[in-house]
Amino acid sequence: KSASGTEILDELAMEEIQSDGKKLILYTSADSVLQICGHEEVTGLDELYRVCQIAREITLKPEYKVGRVIARPYVGDSVGHFTRTSNRHDYALSPSSKTVLDVLKSNAFDVIGIGKISDIFNGQGITKSIHSTSSHEGMLQTIEEMKKDFTGLLFTNLVDFDAKWGHRRNVSGYGDELEDFDLLLGQLLGVIDSDTLLIITADHGNDPTFKGTDHTRECVPCLMYSPSMKEHGVLDDSISFGTIGAVILNNFDVDKQNYLIGEFDLDKLV
C-alpha cells in the first residue's frame, strides 16, 4: 500500500523483528517506486540488498516497469524509536536514451556524482561516484572536490531536504537545513574560480508546510552564478529541465544532439 516511510515502520517493524528477518516491509508512494524496508541488525544489509536486486529484476517486466526499487534500512527496537539509516540504496531504471552526462563523458569530461546521483542514473554517464550520509556531508564533499583539478560536471544531490524534512513536513528541520546549507554555500563560493558555473535547483517541490507527505507542485528555483558574471537579473520561466541540460552543454561548448530537449543561449548569463 501507499504509506509514509516513518509511519510504515511504526506499523510493521515489530512484525519484521519478531519474524527474525523472515518478513520484510514493502510499500509504495505517489512515485513509481517499490520501497523495501529491512532492519539492519535483524535482516541485515546484505539480505536487504539481495532481495531488492531480485525485486528490481521482477519489476523490469513490461507489465510493471517500476521506476525505482529502494532499499530502506532502519534501526531501532520499539514503536516510535525506529530510524532510517544512510545505507539506503536505489535500484533505478537506466535512462531510455543517452543523457547530457553520457555526452560529457564521451567528450572526455569528468562527470562526478555526489549523493544518490549515480543511483538515479543507474551509473550511466558517471565517471566518479561519492556516497554521502547527509546533505551536510554532501556539501563538504562538494567543497573538497571543487578544490581539486578537474574539468567537467560535479552533480550533487542534497537528499535530506526531501527525505528528512519535506516528506516529514518538519518545518523547523527544513529551516535548520537551509541555514546549514547557506553557511556551506558561502564556503563553496570561496573555492570556485571564474571558470566555474554554479547551478542550484531542485527536482520537484516539497513544501514542509503543506498537507500530506507527498511531493508538492510549486515551481522549483534555478539559480545560476559565476564569479565571471558582470550583471544580474531574472531568467524566463522554463517548462523543462532540458533547459539546464542545454546550459551545461553550452558551458562546455559541446553540441546538443537532436534527441535531447531544451534550449538556452549562454549569452544570457553575463
Protein backbone atom coordinates (compact mmCIF):
# COMPACT_ATOMS: atom_id res chain seq x y z
CA LYS A 1 0.00 0.00 0.00
CA SER A 2 0.98 3.64 -0.26
CA ALA A 3 2.35 4.91 3.04
CA SER A 4 4.62 7.36 4.82
CA GLY A 5 8.12 5.95 5.28
CA THR A 6 8.16 6.58 9.02
CA GLU A 7 4.56 5.58 9.73
CA ILE A 8 5.01 2.22 7.99
CA LEU A 9 7.85 1.40 10.39
CA ASP A 10 5.73 2.11 13.44
CA GLU A 11 3.01 -0.08 11.93
CA LEU A 12 5.02 -3.10 10.75
CA ALA A 13 8.63 -3.06 12.00
CA MET A 14 7.89 -5.10 15.13
CA GLU A 15 6.41 -7.84 12.94
CA GLU A 16 9.63 -8.00 10.92
CA ILE A 17 11.76 -8.09 14.08
CA GLN A 18 9.63 -10.85 15.63
CA SER A 19 9.96 -12.91 12.43
CA ASP A 20 13.78 -12.83 12.76
CA GLY A 21 14.03 -11.18 9.37
CA LYS A 22 11.86 -13.73 7.53
CA LYS A 23 9.40 -10.94 6.73
CA LEU A 24 10.20 -7.61 5.07
CA ILE A 25 8.13 -4.45 4.70
CA LEU A 26 7.05 -3.48 1.18
CA TYR A 27 5.29 -0.22 0.46
CA THR A 28 4.97 2.43 -2.21
CA SER A 29 4.26 6.16 -2.54
CA ALA A 30 2.90 8.55 -5.15
CA ASP A 31 6.04 7.95 -7.26
CA SER A 32 6.68 4.91 -9.42
CA VAL A 33 8.68 3.22 -6.68
CA LEU A 34 8.69 0.00 -4.66
CA GLN A 35 10.30 0.52 -1.27
CA ILE A 36 11.55 -2.40 0.82
CA CYS A 37 12.44 -1.89 4.50
CA GLY A 38 14.79 -4.17 6.41
CA HIS A 39 16.19 -3.89 9.93
CA GLU A 40 19.98 -3.56 9.71
CA GLU A 41 20.59 -5.78 12.75
CA VAL A 42 17.79 -8.32 12.22
CA THR A 43 17.56 -8.80 8.47
CA GLY A 44 20.97 -7.30 7.64
CA LEU A 45 22.06 -5.07 4.77
CA ASP A 46 23.34 -7.90 2.54
CA GLU A 47 20.00 -9.70 2.68
CA LEU A 48 18.01 -6.49 2.14
CA TYR A 49 20.11 -5.58 -0.90
CA ARG A 50 19.80 -9.15 -2.27
CA VAL A 51 16.02 -9.03 -2.01
CA CYS A 52 15.92 -5.58 -3.66
CA GLN A 53 18.02 -6.83 -6.58
CA ILE A 54 15.50 -9.65 -7.12
CA ALA A 55 12.62 -7.18 -6.88
CA ARG A 56 14.37 -4.95 -9.42
CA GLU A 57 14.55 -7.83 -11.93
CA ILE A 58 10.88 -8.69 -11.42
CA THR A 59 9.70 -5.08 -11.78
CA LEU A 60 11.61 -4.62 -15.05
CA LYS A 61 8.90 -6.71 -16.73
CA PRO A 62 6.74 -4.68 -19.15
CA GLU A 63 3.59 -5.17 -17.09
CA TYR A 64 5.26 -3.44 -14.10
CA LYS A 65 8.13 -1.23 -15.32
CA VAL A 66 8.54 0.33 -11.86
CA GLY A 67 10.82 3.37 -11.91
CA ARG A 68 12.87 2.50 -8.83
CA VAL A 69 13.22 -0.13 -6.16
CA ILE A 70 14.56 1.45 -2.98
CA ALA A 71 16.26 -0.40 -0.13
CA ARG A 72 15.22 1.34 3.10
CA PRO A 73 17.34 0.01 6.00
CA TYR A 74 16.46 1.13 9.51
CA VAL A 75 17.39 0.60 13.17
CA GLY A 76 15.51 0.71 16.47
CA ASP A 77 13.72 -1.69 18.79
CA SER A 78 10.30 -0.20 19.61
CA VAL A 79 7.46 1.80 18.10
CA GLY A 80 8.31 5.49 17.99
CA HIS A 81 12.06 4.80 18.01
CA PHE A 82 12.67 3.40 14.51
CA THR A 83 15.07 5.44 12.37
CA ARG A 84 16.00 5.01 8.71
CA THR A 85 19.76 4.96 8.11
CA SER A 86 22.01 6.43 5.43
CA ASN A 87 22.56 2.97 3.88
CA ARG A 88 19.62 3.47 1.52
CA HIS A 89 20.26 2.19 -1.99
CA ASP A 90 18.23 2.96 -5.13
CA TYR A 91 17.87 0.42 -7.94
CA ALA A 92 16.76 2.58 -10.86
CA LEU A 93 15.90 2.10 -14.49
CA SER A 94 18.68 3.04 -16.85
CA PRO A 95 17.82 6.17 -18.87
CA SER A 96 15.84 5.34 -22.02
CA SER A 97 18.48 7.10 -24.16
CA LYS A 98 21.83 8.82 -23.73
CA THR A 99 21.75 11.86 -21.45
CA VAL A 100 23.81 15.03 -21.10
CA LEU A 101 26.00 13.03 -18.69
CA ASP A 102 26.77 10.49 -21.43
CA VAL A 103 27.57 13.26 -23.91
CA LEU A 104 30.00 14.89 -21.48
CA LYS A 105 31.65 11.56 -20.64
CA SER A 106 32.03 10.64 -24.33
CA ASN A 107 33.73 14.01 -24.88
CA ALA A 108 36.30 13.17 -22.16
CA PHE A 109 34.82 15.44 -19.47
CA ASP A 110 34.62 14.36 -15.85
CA VAL A 111 31.13 13.57 -14.53
CA ILE A 112 31.27 13.36 -10.74
CA GLY A 113 28.14 12.36 -8.81
CA ILE A 114 27.78 13.09 -5.08
CA GLY A 115 24.96 11.55 -3.05
CA LYS A 116 22.44 9.36 -4.89
CA ILE A 117 23.21 10.80 -8.36
CA SER A 118 24.83 7.58 -9.59
CA ASP A 119 21.86 5.55 -8.30
CA ILE A 120 19.37 7.80 -10.08
CA PHE A 121 21.12 7.33 -13.45
CA ASN A 122 21.92 3.66 -12.71
CA GLY A 123 25.61 4.55 -13.05
CA GLN A 124 25.17 5.61 -16.69
CA GLY A 125 27.34 8.55 -17.73
CA ILE A 126 29.15 8.78 -14.37
CA THR A 127 32.96 8.78 -14.16
CA LYS A 128 33.22 9.04 -10.35
CA SER A 129 30.65 8.44 -7.60
CA ILE A 130 30.87 9.59 -3.96
CA HIS A 131 28.46 8.30 -1.30
CA SER A 132 27.02 10.78 1.22
CA THR A 133 25.40 10.09 4.59
CA SER A 134 23.70 13.51 4.80
CA SER A 135 23.20 16.78 2.95
CA HIS A 136 25.79 18.37 5.26
CA GLU A 137 28.37 15.77 4.26
CA GLY A 138 27.36 16.17 0.61
CA MET A 139 28.16 19.87 0.75
CA LEU A 140 31.51 19.24 2.47
CA GLN A 141 32.34 16.67 -0.23
CA THR A 142 31.34 19.17 -2.93
CA ILE A 143 33.65 21.80 -1.45
CA GLU A 144 36.55 19.32 -1.28
CA GLU A 145 36.01 18.13 -4.87
CA MET A 146 35.93 21.74 -6.09
CA LYS A 147 39.40 22.24 -4.64
CA LYS A 148 40.71 19.51 -6.98
CA ASP A 149 41.78 19.88 -10.59
CA PHE A 150 39.08 18.54 -12.89
CA THR A 151 37.19 19.66 -15.98
CA GLY A 152 33.56 18.67 -16.21
CA LEU A 153 30.34 18.41 -14.24
CA LEU A 154 30.09 18.00 -10.47
CA PHE A 155 26.50 16.92 -9.75
CA THR A 156 25.40 16.86 -6.07
CA ASN A 157 22.10 15.71 -4.57
CA LEU A 158 21.18 17.01 -1.10
CA VAL A 159 18.62 14.38 -0.13
CA ASP A 160 17.82 15.49 3.43
CA PHE A 161 15.74 18.47 2.26
CA ASP A 162 13.38 15.93 0.71
CA ALA A 163 13.61 12.75 2.78
CA LYS A 164 14.09 14.14 6.29
CA TRP A 165 12.23 17.45 6.21
CA GLY A 166 9.95 17.85 3.18
CA HIS A 167 8.17 14.49 3.29
CA ARG A 168 8.07 14.60 7.08
CA ARG A 169 6.59 18.15 6.98
CA ASN A 170 9.23 19.21 9.50
CA VAL A 171 9.36 22.99 9.11
CA SER A 172 11.97 23.68 11.78
CA GLY A 173 14.23 20.89 10.49
CA TYR A 174 13.90 22.27 6.96
CA GLY A 175 14.78 25.74 8.23
CA ASP A 176 17.84 24.46 10.09
CA GLU A 177 18.96 22.59 6.97
CA LEU A 178 18.62 25.76 4.88
CA GLU A 179 20.74 27.72 7.37
CA ASP A 180 23.41 24.99 7.33
CA PHE A 181 23.33 24.92 3.51
CA ASP A 182 23.67 28.71 3.40
CA LEU A 183 26.82 28.61 5.54
CA LEU A 184 28.37 25.83 3.46
CA LEU A 185 27.36 27.58 0.23
CA GLY A 186 29.43 30.54 1.42
CA GLN A 187 32.41 28.21 1.80
CA LEU A 188 31.78 26.76 -1.66
CA LEU A 189 31.69 30.23 -3.23
CA GLY A 190 35.11 30.82 -1.65
CA VAL A 191 36.72 27.98 -3.61
CA ILE A 192 35.19 28.34 -7.08
CA ASP A 193 37.05 30.25 -9.78
CA SER A 194 35.94 32.40 -12.70
CA ASP A 195 35.71 29.36 -14.99
CA THR A 196 33.07 27.73 -12.78
CA LEU A 197 29.31 27.94 -13.35
CA LEU A 198 27.26 27.10 -10.23
CA ILE A 199 23.63 25.99 -10.70
CA ILE A 200 21.27 25.45 -7.76
CA THR A 201 17.92 23.81 -8.49
CA ALA A 202 15.54 21.08 -7.30
CA ASP A 203 13.93 18.06 -8.94
CA HIS A 204 10.45 18.82 -7.51
CA GLY A 205 8.64 20.79 -4.84
CA ASN A 206 8.30 19.53 -1.28
CA ASP A 207 6.76 22.27 0.85
CA PRO A 208 7.12 21.27 4.55
CA THR A 209 4.10 23.43 5.47
CA PHE A 210 1.70 21.61 3.12
CA LYS A 211 -0.72 18.78 4.00
CA GLY A 212 0.12 15.12 3.45
CA THR A 213 3.55 13.59 2.85
CA ASP A 214 3.88 13.59 -0.96
CA HIS A 215 5.79 15.97 -3.20
CA THR A 216 4.16 19.35 -3.75
CA ARG A 217 3.65 21.12 -7.05
CA GLU A 218 5.20 24.58 -6.77
CA CYS A 219 7.77 25.69 -9.34
CA VAL A 220 11.37 24.93 -8.40
CA PRO A 221 14.17 27.51 -8.25
CA CYS A 222 17.01 27.74 -10.72
CA LEU A 223 19.86 29.97 -9.60
CA MET A 224 22.97 30.35 -11.75
CA TYR A 225 26.16 32.11 -10.69
CA SER A 226 29.75 32.51 -11.78
CA PRO A 227 32.43 34.91 -10.49
CA SER A 228 32.82 35.97 -14.13
CA MET A 229 29.29 37.40 -14.30
CA LYS A 230 29.16 41.18 -14.52
CA GLU A 231 25.37 41.65 -14.28
CA HIS A 232 22.40 40.03 -12.54
CA GLY A 233 18.78 39.53 -13.49
CA VAL A 234 15.77 37.22 -13.70
CA LEU A 235 15.63 34.39 -16.23
CA ASP A 236 12.42 33.44 -18.01
CA ASP A 237 10.40 30.55 -16.58
CA SER A 238 11.17 27.23 -18.24
CA ILE A 239 8.85 24.27 -18.84
CA SER A 240 11.61 21.66 -18.86
CA PHE A 241 14.75 20.59 -17.03
CA GLY A 242 16.16 20.19 -20.53
CA THR A 243 16.96 23.90 -20.31
CA ILE A 244 19.54 23.16 -17.60
CA GLY A 245 20.97 20.34 -19.72
CA ALA A 246 21.37 22.80 -22.60
CA VAL A 247 23.12 25.29 -20.28
CA ILE A 248 25.60 22.60 -19.23
CA LEU A 249 26.42 21.54 -22.80
CA ASN A 250 26.76 25.16 -23.92
CA ASN A 251 29.05 25.83 -20.98
CA PHE A 252 31.47 23.19 -22.27
CA ASP A 253 30.99 24.14 -25.95
CA VAL A 254 29.53 20.72 -26.69
CA ASP A 255 26.92 20.42 -29.44
CA LYS A 256 23.47 19.24 -28.32
CA GLN A 257 22.31 16.07 -30.05
CA ASN A 258 18.93 16.14 -31.81
CA TYR A 259 17.31 13.69 -29.40
CA LEU A 260 17.99 15.95 -26.40
CA ILE A 261 15.37 18.56 -25.48
CA GLY A 262 15.94 22.06 -24.14
CA GLU A 263 17.41 25.27 -25.49
CA PHE A 264 19.40 28.03 -23.83
CA ASP A 265 21.51 30.94 -25.02
CA LEU A 266 24.54 31.15 -22.71
CA ASP A 267 24.91 34.84 -23.59
CA LYS A 268 22.05 35.49 -21.18
CA LEU A 269 24.48 34.71 -18.36
CA VAL A 270 26.84 37.67 -18.38
